[in-house]
């Protein structure tokens, strides 16, 4: 098994093949991450609000002074 692994690691590949392997590995990692989060029911992305909601009046065009 070690010899087989050494043979595979010693084979030369082209830049195109390397990029194909790396793209496939990256897609596999993201796919596994999404599958695990789907199975566990947890969400890894938390949406945060930049500005807290205000309840001091109507919102819309002309509701407040410019720049405040």
PDB file of N, CA and C in Angstrom:
ATOM      1  N   UNK A   1       0.823  -1.186   0.000  1.00  0.00           N
ATOM      2  CA  UNK A   1       0.000   0.000   0.000  1.00  0.00           C
ATOM      3  C   UNK A   1       0.873   1.259   0.000  1.00  0.00           C
ATOM      4  N   UNK A   2       1.944   1.241   0.775  1.00  0.00           N
ATOM      5  CA  UNK A   2       2.833   2.400   0.814  1.00  0.00           C
ATOM      6  C   UNK A   2       3.488   2.639  -0.537  1.00  0.00           C
ATOM      7  N   UNK A   3       3.861   1.547  -1.197  1.00  0.00           N
ATOM      8  CA  UNK A   3       4.490   1.685  -2.514  1.00  0.00           C
ATOM      9  C   UNK A   3       3.504   2.276  -3.514  1.00  0.00           C
ATOM     10  N   UNK A   4       2.273   1.849  -3.433  1.00  0.00           N
ATOM     11  CA  UNK A   4       1.248   2.378  -4.326  1.00  0.00           C
ATOM     12  C   UNK A   4       1.050   3.874  -4.084  1.00  0.00           C
ATOM     13  N   UNK A   5       1.028   4.266  -2.827  1.00  0.00           N
ATOM     14  CA  UNK A   5       0.877   5.676  -2.486  1.00  0.00           C
ATOM     15  C   UNK A   5       2.087   6.477  -2.951  1.00  0.00           C
ATOM     16  N   UNK A   6       3.268   5.927  -2.773  1.00  0.00           N
ATOM     17  CA  UNK A   6       4.479   6.617  -3.224  1.00  0.00           C
ATOM     18  C   UNK A   6       4.491   6.790  -4.739  1.00  0.00           C
ATOM     19  N   UNK A   7       4.050   5.768  -5.455  1.00  0.00           N
ATOM     20  CA  UNK A   7       3.989   5.862  -6.917  1.00  0.00           C
ATOM     21  C   UNK A   7       3.021   6.959  -7.348  1.00  0.00           C
ATOM     22  N   UNK A   8       1.887   7.031  -6.690  1.00  0.00           N
ATOM     23  CA  UNK A   8       0.899   8.047  -7.045  1.00  0.00           C
ATOM     24  C   UNK A   8       1.407   9.443  -6.711  1.00  0.00           C
ATOM     25  N   UNK A   9       2.106   9.591  -5.604  1.00  0.00           N
ATOM     26  CA  UNK A   9       2.621  10.905  -5.221  1.00  0.00           C
ATOM     27  C   UNK A   9       3.796  11.341  -6.089  1.00  0.00           C
ATOM     28  N   UNK A  10       4.520  10.383  -6.653  1.00  0.00           N
ATOM     29  CA  UNK A  10       5.671  10.709  -7.480  1.00  0.00           C
ATOM     30  C   UNK A  10       5.325  10.939  -8.946  1.00  0.00           C
ATOM     31  N   UNK A  11       4.105  10.650  -9.349  1.00  0.00           N
ATOM     32  CA  UNK A  11       3.741  10.879 -10.743  1.00  0.00           C
ATOM     33  C   UNK A  11       3.573  12.371 -10.984  1.00  0.00           C
ATOM     34  N   UNK A  12       4.051  12.816 -12.129  1.00  0.00           N
ATOM     35  CA  UNK A  12       3.937  14.230 -12.464  1.00  0.00           C
ATOM     36  C   UNK A  12       2.588  14.494 -13.124  1.00  0.00           C
ATOM     37  N   UNK A  13       2.010  15.622 -12.770  1.00  0.00           N
ATOM     38  CA  UNK A  13       0.743  16.024 -13.366  1.00  0.00           C
ATOM     39  C   UNK A  13       0.908  17.420 -13.951  1.00  0.00           C
ATOM     40  N   UNK A  14       0.017  17.750 -14.863  1.00  0.00           N
ATOM     41  CA  UNK A  14       0.069  19.069 -15.472  1.00  0.00           C
ATOM     42  C   UNK A  14      -0.640  20.072 -14.571  1.00  0.00           C
ATOM     43  N   UNK A  15      -0.463  21.322 -14.890  1.00  0.00           N
ATOM     44  CA  UNK A  15      -1.121  22.373 -14.119  1.00  0.00           C
ATOM     45  C   UNK A  15      -2.643  22.246 -14.223  1.00  0.00           C
ATOM     46  N   UNK A  16      -3.121  21.884 -15.401  1.00  0.00           N
ATOM     47  CA  UNK A  16      -4.555  21.724 -15.610  1.00  0.00           C
ATOM     48  C   UNK A  16      -5.104  20.598 -14.732  1.00  0.00           C
ATOM     49  N   UNK A  17      -4.393  19.478 -14.674  1.00  0.00           N
ATOM     50  CA  UNK A  17      -4.831  18.371 -13.833  1.00  0.00           C
ATOM     51  C   UNK A  17      -4.807  18.769 -12.359  1.00  0.00           C
ATOM     52  N   UNK A  18      -3.777  19.488 -11.941  1.00  0.00           N
ATOM     53  CA  UNK A  18      -3.681  19.940 -10.555  1.00  0.00           C
ATOM     54  C   UNK A  18      -4.862  20.828 -10.192  1.00  0.00           C
ATOM     55  N   UNK A  19      -5.187  21.774 -11.071  1.00  0.00           N
ATOM     56  CA  UNK A  19      -6.315  22.662 -10.793  1.00  0.00           C
ATOM     57  C   UNK A  19      -7.631  21.895 -10.773  1.00  0.00           C
ATOM     58  N   UNK A  20      -7.758  20.889 -11.625  1.00  0.00           N
ATOM     59  CA  UNK A  20      -8.973  20.071 -11.616  1.00  0.00           C
ATOM     60  C   UNK A  20      -9.090  19.308 -10.299  1.00  0.00           C
ATOM     61  N   UNK A  21      -7.989  18.725  -9.829  1.00  0.00           N
ATOM     62  CA  UNK A  21      -8.023  17.994  -8.564  1.00  0.00           C
ATOM     63  C   UNK A  21      -8.332  18.923  -7.395  1.00  0.00           C
ATOM     64  N   UNK A  22      -7.726  20.094  -7.380  1.00  0.00           N
ATOM     65  CA  UNK A  22      -7.949  21.030  -6.277  1.00  0.00           C
ATOM     66  C   UNK A  22      -9.380  21.566  -6.292  1.00  0.00           C
ATOM     67  N   UNK A  23      -9.915  21.824  -7.470  1.00  0.00           N
ATOM     68  CA  UNK A  23     -11.302  22.287  -7.566  1.00  0.00           C
ATOM     69  C   UNK A  23     -12.253  21.207  -7.072  1.00  0.00           C
ATOM     70  N   UNK A  24     -11.991  19.972  -7.470  1.00  0.00           N
ATOM     71  CA  UNK A  24     -12.824  18.866  -7.002  1.00  0.00           C
ATOM     72  C   UNK A  24     -12.746  18.687  -5.502  1.00  0.00           C
ATOM     73  N   UNK A  25     -11.547  18.799  -4.940  1.00  0.00           N
ATOM     74  CA  UNK A  25     -11.388  18.663  -3.494  1.00  0.00           C
ATOM     75  C   UNK A  25     -12.101  19.794  -2.758  1.00  0.00           C
ATOM     76  N   UNK A  26     -12.003  21.004  -3.284  1.00  0.00           N
ATOM     77  CA  UNK A  26     -12.663  22.147  -2.651  1.00  0.00           C
ATOM     78  C   UNK A  26     -14.178  21.998  -2.690  1.00  0.00           C
ATOM     79  N   UNK A  27     -14.704  21.558  -3.826  1.00  0.00           N
ATOM     80  CA  UNK A  27     -16.146  21.340  -3.927  1.00  0.00           C
ATOM     81  C   UNK A  27     -16.596  20.221  -2.995  1.00  0.00           C
ATOM     82  N   UNK A  28     -15.764  19.205  -2.847  1.00  0.00           N
ATOM     83  CA  UNK A  28     -16.112  18.109  -1.962  1.00  0.00           C
ATOM     84  C   UNK A  28     -16.142  18.573  -0.508  1.00  0.00           C
ATOM     85  N   UNK A  29     -15.205  19.418  -0.107  1.00  0.00           N
ATOM     86  CA  UNK A  29     -15.176  19.920   1.273  1.00  0.00           C
ATOM     87  C   UNK A  29     -16.416  20.764   1.552  1.00  0.00           C
ATOM     88  N   UNK A  30     -16.747  21.673   0.627  1.00  0.00           N
ATOM     89  CA  UNK A  30     -17.937  22.501   0.841  1.00  0.00           C
ATOM     90  C   UNK A  30     -19.212  21.669   0.798  1.00  0.00           C
ATOM     91  N   UNK A  31     -19.237  20.662  -0.052  1.00  0.00           N
ATOM     92  CA  UNK A  31     -20.404  19.785  -0.118  1.00  0.00           C
ATOM     93  C   UNK A  31     -20.582  18.998   1.163  1.00  0.00           C
ATOM     94  N   UNK A  32     -19.480  18.491   1.714  1.00  0.00           N
ATOM     95  CA  UNK A  32     -19.563  17.761   2.972  1.00  0.00           C
ATOM     96  C   UNK A  32     -19.981  18.673   4.112  1.00  0.00           C
ATOM     97  N   UNK A  33     -19.495  19.899   4.105  1.00  0.00           N
ATOM     98  CA  UNK A  33     -19.872  20.855   5.139  1.00  0.00           C
ATOM     99  C   UNK A  33     -21.376  21.134   5.084  1.00  0.00           C
ATOM    100  N   UNK A  34     -21.891  21.318   3.883  1.00  0.00           N
ATOM    101  CA  UNK A  34     -23.330  21.569   3.745  1.00  0.00           C
ATOM    102  C   UNK A  34     -24.144  20.340   4.128  1.00  0.00           C
ATOM    103  N   UNK A  35     -23.657  19.157   3.780  1.00  0.00           N
ATOM    104  CA  UNK A  35     -24.374  17.934   4.136  1.00  0.00           C
ATOM    105  C   UNK A  35     -24.413  17.748   5.647  1.00  0.00           C
ATOM    106  N   UNK A  36     -23.306  17.995   6.317  1.00  0.00           N
ATOM    107  CA  UNK A  36     -23.263  17.851   7.778  1.00  0.00           C
ATOM    108  C   UNK A  36     -24.184  18.866   8.443  1.00  0.00           C
ATOM    109  N   UNK A  37     -24.172  20.100   7.952  1.00  0.00           N
ATOM    110  CA  UNK A  37     -25.053  21.099   8.561  1.00  0.00           C
ATOM    111  C   UNK A  37     -26.522  20.783   8.285  1.00  0.00           C
ATOM    112  N   UNK A  38     -26.815  20.165   7.143  1.00  0.00           N
ATOM    113  CA  UNK A  38     -28.186  19.772   6.848  1.00  0.00           C
ATOM    114  C   UNK A  38     -28.637  18.650   7.766  1.00  0.00           C
ATOM    115  N   UNK A  39     -27.758  17.678   7.993  1.00  0.00           N
ATOM    116  CA  UNK A  39     -28.112  16.544   8.839  1.00  0.00           C
ATOM    117  C   UNK A  39     -28.231  16.927  10.304  1.00  0.00           C
ATOM    118  N   UNK A  40     -27.416  17.842  10.763  1.00  0.00           N
ATOM    119  CA  UNK A  40     -27.476  18.244  12.168  1.00  0.00           C
ATOM    120  C   UNK A  40     -28.533  19.306  12.421  1.00  0.00           C
ATOM    121  N   UNK A  41     -28.986  19.970  11.369  1.00  0.00           N
ATOM    122  CA  UNK A  41     -30.008  20.987  11.526  1.00  0.00           C
ATOM    123  C   UNK A  41     -29.484  22.316  12.004  1.00  0.00           C
ATOM    124  N   UNK A  42     -28.191  22.476  12.054  1.00  0.00           N
ATOM    125  CA  UNK A  42     -27.620  23.740  12.515  1.00  0.00           C
ATOM    126  C   UNK A  42     -27.252  24.599  11.325  1.00  0.00           C
ATOM    127  N   UNK A  43     -27.291  25.881  11.539  1.00  0.00           N
ATOM    128  CA  UNK A  43     -26.913  26.828  10.503  1.00  0.00           C
ATOM    129  C   UNK A  43     -25.623  27.501  10.924  1.00  0.00           C
ATOM    130  N   UNK A  44     -24.607  27.431  10.052  1.00  0.00           N
ATOM    131  CA  UNK A  44     -23.319  27.999  10.421  1.00  0.00           C
ATOM    132  C   UNK A  44     -23.237  29.482  10.111  1.00  0.00           C
ATOM    133  N   UNK A  45     -24.139  29.993   9.295  1.00  0.00           N
ATOM    134  CA  UNK A  45     -24.121  31.410   8.934  1.00  0.00           C
ATOM    135  C   UNK A  45     -25.158  32.132   9.780  1.00  0.00           C
ATOM    136  N   UNK A  46     -24.716  33.130  10.516  1.00  0.00           N
ATOM    137  CA  UNK A  46     -25.629  33.919  11.325  1.00  0.00           C
ATOM    138  C   UNK A  46     -25.785  35.284  10.680  1.00  0.00           C
ATOM    139  N   UNK A  47     -27.004  35.663  10.443  1.00  0.00           N
ATOM    140  CA  UNK A  47     -27.274  36.960   9.834  1.00  0.00           C
ATOM    141  C   UNK A  47     -27.369  37.999  10.935  1.00  0.00           C
ATOM    142  N   UNK A  48     -26.578  39.025  10.811  1.00  0.00           N
ATOM    143  CA  UNK A  48     -26.605  40.087  11.803  1.00  0.00           C
ATOM    144  C   UNK A  48     -27.137  41.351  11.150  1.00  0.00           C
ATOM    145  N   UNK A  49     -27.801  42.146  11.938  1.00  0.00           N
ATOM    146  CA  UNK A  49     -28.346  43.394  11.430  1.00  0.00           C
ATOM    147  C   UNK A  49     -27.317  44.487  11.640  1.00  0.00           C
ATOM    148  N   UNK A  50     -27.103  45.294  10.638  1.00  0.00           N
ATOM    149  CA  UNK A  50     -26.146  46.376  10.766  1.00  0.00           C
ATOM    150  C   UNK A  50     -26.707  47.522  11.593  1.00  0.00           C
ATOM    151  N   UNK A  51     -27.959  47.831  11.385  1.00  0.00           N
ATOM    152  CA  UNK A  51     -28.616  48.892  12.137  1.00  0.00           C
ATOM    153  C   UNK A  51     -29.828  48.319  12.849  1.00  0.00           C
ATOM    154  N   UNK A  52     -30.008  48.651  14.105  1.00  0.00           N
ATOM    155  CA  UNK A  52     -31.187  48.133  14.807  1.00  0.00           C
ATOM    156  C   UNK A  52     -32.450  48.807  14.274  1.00  0.00           C
ATOM    157  N   UNK A  53     -33.571  48.099  14.277  1.00  0.00           N
ATOM    158  CA  UNK A  53     -34.807  48.707  13.791  1.00  0.00           C
ATOM    159  C   UNK A  53     -35.267  49.832  14.722  1.00  0.00           C
ATOM    160  N   UNK A  54     -35.790  50.868  14.147  1.00  0.00           N
ATOM    161  CA  UNK A  54     -36.295  51.983  14.938  1.00  0.00           C
ATOM    162  C   UNK A  54     -37.817  51.993  14.854  1.00  0.00           C
ATOM    163  N   UNK A  55     -38.423  52.397  15.925  1.00  0.00           N
ATOM    164  CA  UNK A  55     -39.886  52.430  15.958  1.00  0.00           C
ATOM    165  C   UNK A  55     -40.375  53.832  16.319  1.00  0.00           C
ATOM    166  N   UNK A  56     -39.661  54.859  15.878  1.00  0.00           N
ATOM    167  CA  UNK A  56     -40.035  56.214  16.258  1.00  0.00           C
ATOM    168  C   UNK A  56     -40.870  56.909  15.191  1.00  0.00           C
ATOM    169  N   UNK A  57     -41.374  56.218  14.241  1.00  0.00           N
ATOM    170  CA  UNK A  57     -42.222  56.860  13.249  1.00  0.00           C
ATOM    171  C   UNK A  57     -42.238  56.087  11.949  1.00  0.00           C
ATOM    172  N   UNK A  58     -42.931  56.626  10.965  1.00  0.00           N
ATOM    173  CA  UNK A  58     -43.024  55.926   9.684  1.00  0.00           C
ATOM    174  C   UNK A  58     -41.701  55.983   8.929  1.00  0.00           C
ATOM    175  N   UNK A  59     -41.435  54.939   8.215  1.00  0.00           N
ATOM    176  CA  UNK A  59     -40.235  54.891   7.392  1.00  0.00           C
ATOM    177  C   UNK A  59     -40.623  55.176   5.950  1.00  0.00           C
ATOM    178  N   UNK A  60     -39.644  55.552   5.163  1.00  0.00           N
ATOM    179  CA  UNK A  60     -39.889  55.800   3.758  1.00  0.00           C
ATOM    180  C   UNK A  60     -39.256  57.091   3.312  1.00  0.00           C
ATOM    181  N   UNK A  61     -39.534  57.455   2.100  1.00  0.00           N
ATOM    182  CA  UNK A  61     -38.943  58.644   1.513  1.00  0.00           C
ATOM    183  C   UNK A  61     -39.446  59.892   2.222  1.00  0.00           C
ATOM    184  N   UNK A  62     -38.533  60.715   2.731  1.00  0.00           N
ATOM    185  CA  UNK A  62     -38.883  61.961   3.387  1.00  0.00           C
ATOM    186  C   UNK A  62     -39.285  61.818   4.847  1.00  0.00           C
ATOM    187  N   UNK A  63     -39.111  60.639   5.422  1.00  0.00           N
ATOM    188  CA  UNK A  63     -39.512  60.440   6.806  1.00  0.00           C
ATOM    189  C   UNK A  63     -38.532  61.061   7.790  1.00  0.00           C
ATOM    190  N   UNK A  64     -37.265  61.200   7.396  1.00  0.00           N
ATOM    191  CA  UNK A  64     -36.243  61.760   8.283  1.00  0.00           C
ATOM    192  C   UNK A  64     -35.420  62.798   7.562  1.00  0.00           C
ATOM    193  N   UNK A  65     -34.675  63.552   8.370  1.00  0.00           N
ATOM    194  CA  UNK A  65     -33.765  64.516   7.780  1.00  0.00           C
ATOM    195  C   UNK A  65     -32.621  63.786   7.112  1.00  0.00           C
ATOM    196  N   UNK A  66     -32.064  64.355   6.084  1.00  0.00           N
ATOM    197  CA  UNK A  66     -30.943  63.746   5.370  1.00  0.00           C
ATOM    198  C   UNK A  66     -29.711  63.727   6.259  1.00  0.00           C
ATOM    199  N   UNK A  67     -29.018  62.587   6.317  1.00  0.00           N
ATOM    200  CA  UNK A  67     -27.763  62.486   7.049  1.00  0.00           C
ATOM    201  C   UNK A  67     -27.890  62.150   8.494  1.00  0.00           C
ATOM    202  N   UNK A  68     -29.076  61.856   8.988  1.00  0.00           N
ATOM    203  CA  UNK A  68     -29.199  61.489  10.398  1.00  0.00           C
ATOM    204  C   UNK A  68     -29.685  60.085  10.551  1.00  0.00           C
TER     205      UNK A  68
END
